[in-house]
Structures are given as structure tokens and as C-alpha cells.
Amino acid sequence: MTVLDSAVIASNATESREAPGGSETRAETADGSAALVCYGCGRVHSSARLMTLPDGRQVGNHSEAYRAWTEATWAMTLPDRVDKRRKGPHISKREYLEKVRQIRGDAAADALRAAMVELWKKR
């Protein structure tokens, strides 16, 4: 079990409980990794659940790893080229990666591109 901010959370991935006087802030999987913690606020939400990514990792649905995977999966649905006359997204994969590079920096764009390449290889 983990003690954090006077909250005790069960280490079983499907069970979490709040200690008296504490707030639920962390949950762990059976191997001891903190999987259900929200990457945005650092808390465990009531809707938190474990997800298995295609590479076999189990992560929480509020984690950074899950967010990155869903973004890469969504980005792969974007067209290679944009035809402005047709319905649908008006941004291509390349344009989206360039926007990510401008807003979040080179490291984030490179990580997203690498995740997209991995998804492409596994299709």
C-alpha cells in the first residue's frame, strides 16, 4: 500500500479506498506502478480505469501515456493531403505535426511522430 497525503490506497488495480481524513490521490497496479493517477491534476478520478495499450502496457485512462496513444491514433485518421472541396478534416497529418511542433515544441512533435510511425508499422 502507498501512503501519500495521508491517504491510503489499496495496491490492487481494481480497488481503491480512501483513508480517514485523507483524499484519494494515488492508485497502484499489482506491480506497484502508479497507473490511475490523472496526469493533469495528480488525483484519481472516479471514472479512472486501467486500459491496455497495443504494446501491452497497462495505463490509466487519465494518464499521459493513454493521452499520447489516443492522440497518435486520432492523428493517424487525418488525411495525407487535404482536399478543401471535400467534407471532413481540413488539416493533414503533416500540418498537424507542424502545429504540434509550433505549440508544444520539437520534443512533443517528435514523440507524436514516433508514436504514429509505430501505429503505422503495426497496422
C-alpha atoms as a PDB file:
ATOM      1  CA  MET A   1       0.000   0.000   0.000  1.00  0.00           C
ATOM      2  CA  THR A   2       1.039   3.572  -0.611  1.00  0.00           C
ATOM      3  CA  VAL A   3       0.734   6.448   1.797  1.00  0.00           C
ATOM      4  CA  LEU A   4       0.505   9.857   0.157  1.00  0.00           C
ATOM      5  CA  ASP A   5      -1.019  12.985   1.661  1.00  0.00           C
ATOM      6  CA  SER A   6      -2.397  10.824   4.463  1.00  0.00           C
ATOM      7  CA  ALA A   7      -4.468   8.771   2.013  1.00  0.00           C
ATOM      8  CA  VAL A   8      -4.003   5.027   1.846  1.00  0.00           C
ATOM      9  CA  ILE A   9      -4.936   3.415  -1.422  1.00  0.00           C
ATOM     10  CA  ALA A  10      -5.097  -0.327  -1.977  1.00  0.00           C
ATOM     11  CA  SER A  11      -2.445  -1.622  -4.353  1.00  0.00           C
ATOM     12  CA  ASN A  12      -4.929  -3.794  -6.204  1.00  0.00           C
ATOM     13  CA  ALA A  13      -5.594  -2.184  -9.616  1.00  0.00           C
ATOM     14  CA  THR A  14      -9.348  -2.592  -9.350  1.00  0.00           C
ATOM     15  CA  GLU A  15      -9.765  -1.472  -5.748  1.00  0.00           C
ATOM     16  CA  SER A  16      -9.105   1.894  -4.217  1.00  0.00           C
ATOM     17  CA  ARG A  17     -10.203   3.312  -0.916  1.00  0.00           C
ATOM     18  CA  GLU A  18      -9.779   6.499   0.987  1.00  0.00           C
ATOM     19  CA  ALA A  19      -8.182   6.655   4.403  1.00  0.00           C
ATOM     20  CA  PRO A  20      -9.936   8.608   7.145  1.00  0.00           C
ATOM     21  CA  GLY A  21      -9.058  12.272   6.925  1.00  0.00           C
ATOM     22  CA  GLY A  22      -7.315  11.903   3.573  1.00  0.00           C
ATOM     23  CA  SER A  23      -8.205  12.351  -0.041  1.00  0.00           C
ATOM     24  CA  GLU A  24      -7.781   9.783  -2.761  1.00  0.00           C
ATOM     25  CA  THR A  25      -4.723  10.861  -4.742  1.00  0.00           C
ATOM     26  CA  ARG A  26      -2.929   7.740  -5.938  1.00  0.00           C
ATOM     27  CA  ALA A  27      -3.672   4.189  -7.021  1.00  0.00           C
ATOM     28  CA  GLU A  28      -1.288   1.436  -7.961  1.00  0.00           C
ATOM     29  CA  THR A  29      -1.359  -1.602 -10.170  1.00  0.00           C
ATOM     30  CA  ALA A  30      -0.352  -5.016  -8.866  1.00  0.00           C
ATOM     31  CA  ASP A  31       3.261  -4.397  -9.935  1.00  0.00           C
ATOM     32  CA  GLY A  32       3.390  -1.218  -7.837  1.00  0.00           C
ATOM     33  CA  SER A  33       3.276   1.400 -10.606  1.00  0.00           C
ATOM     34  CA  ALA A  34       1.005   4.396 -10.227  1.00  0.00           C
ATOM     35  CA  ALA A  35      -1.321   3.902 -13.185  1.00  0.00           C
ATOM     36  CA  LEU A  36      -4.626   5.547 -12.397  1.00  0.00           C
ATOM     37  CA  VAL A  37      -3.305   8.983 -11.476  1.00  0.00           C
ATOM     38  CA  CYS A  38      -4.518  11.805 -13.703  1.00  0.00           C
ATOM     39  CA  TYR A  39      -1.589  13.491 -15.462  1.00  0.00           C
ATOM     40  CA  GLY A  40      -3.394  16.845 -15.304  1.00  0.00           C
ATOM     41  CA  CYS A  41      -4.266  17.138 -11.631  1.00  0.00           C
ATOM     42  CA  GLY A  42      -2.437  14.243  -9.962  1.00  0.00           C
ATOM     43  CA  ARG A  43      -5.599  12.731  -8.477  1.00  0.00           C
ATOM     44  CA  VAL A  44      -7.502   9.515  -9.107  1.00  0.00           C
ATOM     45  CA  HIS A  45     -10.898  10.264 -10.632  1.00  0.00           C
ATOM     46  CA  SER A  46     -13.970   8.143 -10.023  1.00  0.00           C
ATOM     47  CA  SER A  47     -14.042   7.311 -13.751  1.00  0.00           C
ATOM     48  CA  ALA A  48     -10.417   6.084 -13.745  1.00  0.00           C
ATOM     49  CA  ARG A  49      -9.854   2.608 -15.115  1.00  0.00           C
ATOM     50  CA  LEU A  50      -6.959   0.590 -16.474  1.00  0.00           C
ATOM     51  CA  MET A  51      -6.514   0.407 -20.221  1.00  0.00           C
ATOM     52  CA  THR A  52      -4.216  -1.965 -22.092  1.00  0.00           C
ATOM     53  CA  LEU A  53      -2.322  -0.296 -24.925  1.00  0.00           C
ATOM     54  CA  PRO A  54      -1.430  -2.272 -28.064  1.00  0.00           C
ATOM     55  CA  ASP A  55       2.149  -2.649 -26.805  1.00  0.00           C
ATOM     56  CA  GLY A  56       0.840  -4.485 -23.727  1.00  0.00           C
ATOM     57  CA  ARG A  57       1.322  -1.704 -21.158  1.00  0.00           C
ATOM     58  CA  GLN A  58      -1.485  -1.160 -18.675  1.00  0.00           C
ATOM     59  CA  VAL A  59      -2.098   2.526 -18.057  1.00  0.00           C
ATOM     60  CA  GLY A  60      -4.889   4.605 -16.596  1.00  0.00           C
ATOM     61  CA  ASN A  61      -7.330   6.318 -18.920  1.00  0.00           C
ATOM     62  CA  HIS A  62      -6.305   9.675 -17.388  1.00  0.00           C
ATOM     63  CA  SER A  63      -2.561   9.096 -17.790  1.00  0.00           C
ATOM     64  CA  GLU A  64      -0.130  10.832 -20.132  1.00  0.00           C
ATOM     65  CA  ALA A  65       0.661   7.542 -21.873  1.00  0.00           C
ATOM     66  CA  TYR A  66      -3.012   6.984 -22.721  1.00  0.00           C
ATOM     67  CA  ARG A  67      -3.438  10.594 -23.845  1.00  0.00           C
ATOM     68  CA  ALA A  68      -0.407  10.277 -26.134  1.00  0.00           C
ATOM     69  CA  TRP A  69      -1.668   6.992 -27.577  1.00  0.00           C
ATOM     70  CA  THR A  70      -5.152   8.377 -28.275  1.00  0.00           C
ATOM     71  CA  GLU A  71      -3.675  11.492 -29.885  1.00  0.00           C
ATOM     72  CA  ALA A  72      -1.463   9.376 -32.148  1.00  0.00           C
ATOM     73  CA  THR A  73      -4.406   7.115 -33.021  1.00  0.00           C
ATOM     74  CA  TRP A  74      -6.544  10.128 -33.876  1.00  0.00           C
ATOM     75  CA  ALA A  75      -3.757  11.805 -35.860  1.00  0.00           C
ATOM     76  CA  MET A  76      -3.420   8.663 -37.969  1.00  0.00           C
ATOM     77  CA  THR A  77      -7.030   9.168 -39.125  1.00  0.00           C
ATOM     78  CA  LEU A  78      -6.118  12.518 -40.678  1.00  0.00           C
ATOM     79  CA  PRO A  79      -5.639  12.529 -44.436  1.00  0.00           C
ATOM     80  CA  ASP A  80      -2.198  12.614 -46.018  1.00  0.00           C
ATOM     81  CA  ARG A  81      -3.330  15.504 -48.223  1.00  0.00           C
ATOM     82  CA  VAL A  82      -6.240  17.874 -47.733  1.00  0.00           C
ATOM     83  CA  ASP A  83      -8.832  18.481 -50.415  1.00  0.00           C
ATOM     84  CA  LYS A  84     -10.610  21.671 -49.334  1.00  0.00           C
ATOM     85  CA  ARG A  85     -13.576  20.845 -51.592  1.00  0.00           C
ATOM     86  CA  ARG A  86     -14.468  17.694 -49.643  1.00  0.00           C
ATOM     87  CA  LYS A  87     -16.081  17.300 -46.254  1.00  0.00           C
ATOM     88  CA  GLY A  88     -14.006  16.165 -43.325  1.00  0.00           C
ATOM     89  CA  PRO A  89     -10.877  17.415 -41.590  1.00  0.00           C
ATOM     90  CA  HIS A  90      -9.127  20.305 -43.289  1.00  0.00           C
ATOM     91  CA  ILE A  91      -5.732  19.518 -41.838  1.00  0.00           C
ATOM     92  CA  SER A  92      -3.288  16.852 -42.924  1.00  0.00           C
ATOM     93  CA  LYS A  93      -1.031  14.680 -40.774  1.00  0.00           C
ATOM     94  CA  ARG A  94       1.953  16.815 -41.740  1.00  0.00           C
ATOM     95  CA  GLU A  95       0.151  20.091 -40.946  1.00  0.00           C
ATOM     96  CA  TYR A  96      -0.995  18.720 -37.581  1.00  0.00           C
ATOM     97  CA  LEU A  97       2.541  17.657 -36.668  1.00  0.00           C
ATOM     98  CA  GLU A  98       3.791  21.127 -37.627  1.00  0.00           C
ATOM     99  CA  LYS A  99       1.142  22.764 -35.392  1.00  0.00           C
ATOM    100  CA  VAL A 100       2.203  20.492 -32.513  1.00  0.00           C
ATOM    101  CA  ARG A 101       5.826  21.494 -33.157  1.00  0.00           C
ATOM    102  CA  GLN A 102       4.901  25.204 -33.057  1.00  0.00           C
ATOM    103  CA  ILE A 103       2.751  24.986 -29.933  1.00  0.00           C
ATOM    104  CA  ARG A 104       4.369  22.245 -27.803  1.00  0.00           C
ATOM    105  CA  GLY A 105       7.896  22.128 -29.195  1.00  0.00           C
ATOM    106  CA  ASP A 106      10.181  19.765 -31.069  1.00  0.00           C
ATOM    107  CA  ALA A 107      10.260  17.029 -28.428  1.00  0.00           C
ATOM    108  CA  ALA A 108       6.468  16.676 -28.362  1.00  0.00           C
ATOM    109  CA  ALA A 109       6.213  16.642 -32.155  1.00  0.00           C
ATOM    110  CA  ASP A 110       8.993  14.060 -32.434  1.00  0.00           C
ATOM    111  CA  ALA A 111       7.337  11.843 -29.795  1.00  0.00           C
ATOM    112  CA  LEU A 112       3.975  12.092 -31.579  1.00  0.00           C
ATOM    113  CA  ARG A 113       5.564  11.278 -34.922  1.00  0.00           C
ATOM    114  CA  ALA A 114       7.349   8.259 -33.419  1.00  0.00           C
ATOM    115  CA  ALA A 115       4.064   7.005 -31.934  1.00  0.00           C
ATOM    116  CA  MET A 116       2.349   7.479 -35.298  1.00  0.00           C
ATOM    117  CA  VAL A 117       5.111   5.525 -37.055  1.00  0.00           C
ATOM    118  CA  GLU A 118       4.736   2.670 -34.535  1.00  0.00           C
ATOM    119  CA  LEU A 119       0.981   2.581 -35.129  1.00  0.00           C
ATOM    120  CA  TRP A 120       1.549   2.548 -38.882  1.00  0.00           C
ATOM    121  CA  LYS A 121       4.018  -0.347 -38.618  1.00  0.00           C
ATOM    122  CA  LYS A 122       1.527  -2.409 -36.550  1.00  0.00           C
ATOM    123  CA  ARG A 123      -1.463  -1.950 -38.835  1.00  0.00           C
END
